[in-house]
Amino acid sequence: MKAILKGFLREITPPLIYKIPRKIYFNRSRKLYESYDDALRFSSLKGYETDEIVKVIVAKNKIYADKLLSDSVLTLNELRTVIGMGLTTVENKVLNVLDFGGGGAHYWIAKIALGEDI
């Protein structure tokens, strides 16, 4: 009920009343850094190496991989990766996947599409 009321109030409230003060507040409270390393120096966290973040990424990737391997059905979003793989020329029929981020999602999509050749 609270979410419905909040949505209703947002719909009937003119944008100037809630958007501009919000932008001012968030822009004032943010600090821009020259690089990731600079920001990390001012942080009490270890960035993406924080144990909690690593555990979440590993757990999510395991759930995702298990789902793909058990269903063997790719969604339209995952087919985008398969189309990209299809545009590559692989003469020896082996594809090496170097996945930058995402916890290995592209590897598992390629595994479903290509089977043991990955």
Protein backbone atom coordinates (compact mmCIF):
# COMPACT_ATOMS: atom_id res chain seq x y z
CA MET A 1 0.00 0.00 0.00
CA LYS A 2 2.87 2.34 0.85
CA ALA A 3 4.43 1.81 -2.59
CA ILE A 4 1.11 2.56 -4.31
CA LEU A 5 0.69 5.77 -2.34
CA LYS A 6 4.27 6.81 -3.07
CA GLY A 7 3.76 6.16 -6.80
CA PHE A 8 0.51 8.11 -6.81
CA LEU A 9 2.11 11.09 -5.07
CA ARG A 10 5.00 11.02 -7.55
CA GLU A 11 2.53 11.03 -10.46
CA ILE A 12 0.58 14.04 -9.25
CA THR A 13 3.53 16.06 -7.93
CA PRO A 14 5.07 18.49 -10.42
CA PRO A 15 8.64 17.46 -11.35
CA LEU A 16 10.13 20.70 -10.03
CA ILE A 17 9.07 19.81 -6.52
CA TYR A 18 10.87 16.48 -6.25
CA LYS A 19 13.39 16.20 -9.13
CA ILE A 20 15.39 19.40 -8.73
CA PRO A 21 15.91 19.19 -4.94
CA ARG A 22 16.85 15.54 -5.36
CA LYS A 23 19.40 16.36 -8.09
CA ILE A 24 20.90 19.12 -5.94
CA TYR A 25 21.16 16.81 -2.93
CA PHE A 26 22.72 13.89 -4.79
CA ASN A 27 25.12 16.04 -6.81
CA ARG A 28 26.24 17.77 -3.61
CA SER A 29 26.82 14.51 -1.77
CA ARG A 30 28.84 12.83 -4.54
CA LYS A 31 32.54 13.22 -5.01
CA LEU A 32 34.15 12.55 -8.37
CA TYR A 33 37.53 10.84 -8.48
CA GLU A 34 40.09 10.79 -11.25
CA SER A 35 40.36 7.01 -11.22
CA TYR A 36 39.05 3.87 -9.55
CA ASP A 37 42.30 3.64 -7.57
CA ASP A 38 41.84 7.20 -6.24
CA ALA A 39 38.31 6.38 -5.10
CA LEU A 40 39.49 3.15 -3.52
CA ARG A 41 42.09 5.02 -1.44
CA PHE A 42 39.29 7.04 0.19
CA SER A 43 37.07 4.01 0.75
CA SER A 44 36.95 1.72 3.75
CA LEU A 45 36.06 -1.15 1.40
CA LYS A 46 38.29 -3.21 -0.87
CA GLY A 47 36.19 -2.54 -3.96
CA TYR A 48 35.24 -5.63 -5.92
CA GLU A 49 37.59 -7.70 -3.79
CA THR A 50 35.31 -7.35 -0.76
CA ASP A 51 34.55 -10.85 0.55
CA GLU A 52 30.80 -10.23 0.60
CA ILE A 53 30.74 -9.08 -3.03
CA VAL A 54 32.84 -12.04 -4.16
CA LYS A 55 30.53 -14.46 -2.32
CA VAL A 56 27.43 -12.93 -3.93
CA ILE A 57 28.96 -13.02 -7.43
CA VAL A 58 30.04 -16.66 -7.02
CA ALA A 59 26.62 -17.69 -5.65
CA LYS A 60 24.72 -15.86 -8.42
CA ASN A 61 26.99 -17.38 -11.09
CA LYS A 62 26.44 -20.88 -9.70
CA ILE A 63 22.66 -20.41 -9.75
CA TYR A 64 22.82 -19.03 -13.30
CA ALA A 65 25.11 -21.83 -14.55
CA ASP A 66 22.98 -24.53 -12.90
CA LYS A 67 19.83 -23.09 -14.51
CA LEU A 68 21.43 -22.95 -17.96
CA LEU A 69 22.85 -26.45 -17.69
CA SER A 70 19.61 -27.99 -16.43
CA ASP A 71 17.23 -26.20 -18.83
CA SER A 72 19.52 -25.90 -21.88
CA VAL A 73 17.21 -23.12 -23.04
CA LEU A 74 18.60 -19.73 -23.92
CA THR A 75 16.57 -16.54 -23.65
CA LEU A 76 16.60 -13.84 -26.32
CA ASN A 77 19.05 -11.88 -24.18
CA GLU A 78 21.44 -14.84 -24.08
CA LEU A 79 21.05 -15.45 -27.79
CA ARG A 80 22.73 -12.08 -28.32
CA THR A 81 25.93 -13.68 -27.03
CA VAL A 82 25.43 -16.72 -29.28
CA ILE A 83 25.00 -14.44 -32.31
CA GLY A 84 28.24 -12.71 -31.39
CA MET A 85 29.99 -16.08 -31.17
CA GLY A 86 28.55 -17.01 -34.56
CA LEU A 87 30.16 -13.96 -36.11
CA THR A 88 33.61 -15.23 -35.15
CA THR A 89 35.65 -17.53 -37.35
CA VAL A 90 36.77 -20.59 -35.47
CA GLU A 91 38.74 -22.85 -37.76
CA ASN A 92 39.68 -25.47 -35.19
CA LYS A 93 36.09 -25.49 -33.82
CA VAL A 94 37.30 -24.56 -30.36
CA LEU A 95 36.35 -21.22 -28.86
CA ASN A 96 38.19 -19.67 -25.95
CA VAL A 97 36.08 -17.19 -24.01
CA LEU A 98 37.62 -14.41 -21.97
CA ASP A 99 34.77 -12.91 -19.95
CA PHE A 100 35.32 -9.44 -18.51
CA GLY A 101 32.97 -9.27 -15.55
CA GLY A 102 29.59 -10.85 -15.11
CA GLY A 103 30.91 -13.79 -13.13
CA GLY A 104 31.38 -16.04 -16.17
CA ALA A 105 27.91 -15.69 -17.71
CA HIS A 106 29.25 -15.61 -21.28
CA TYR A 107 31.27 -18.75 -20.67
CA TRP A 108 28.16 -20.67 -19.60
CA ILE A 109 26.13 -19.39 -22.53
CA ALA A 110 28.90 -20.51 -24.89
CA LYS A 111 29.04 -23.87 -23.07
CA ILE A 112 25.33 -24.47 -23.76
CA ALA A 113 25.64 -23.36 -27.40
CA LEU A 114 28.86 -25.24 -28.22
CA GLY A 115 28.85 -28.15 -25.79
CA GLU A 116 32.22 -29.70 -25.04
CA ASP A 117 34.11 -27.63 -27.61
CA ILE A 118 34.58 -24.83 -25.12
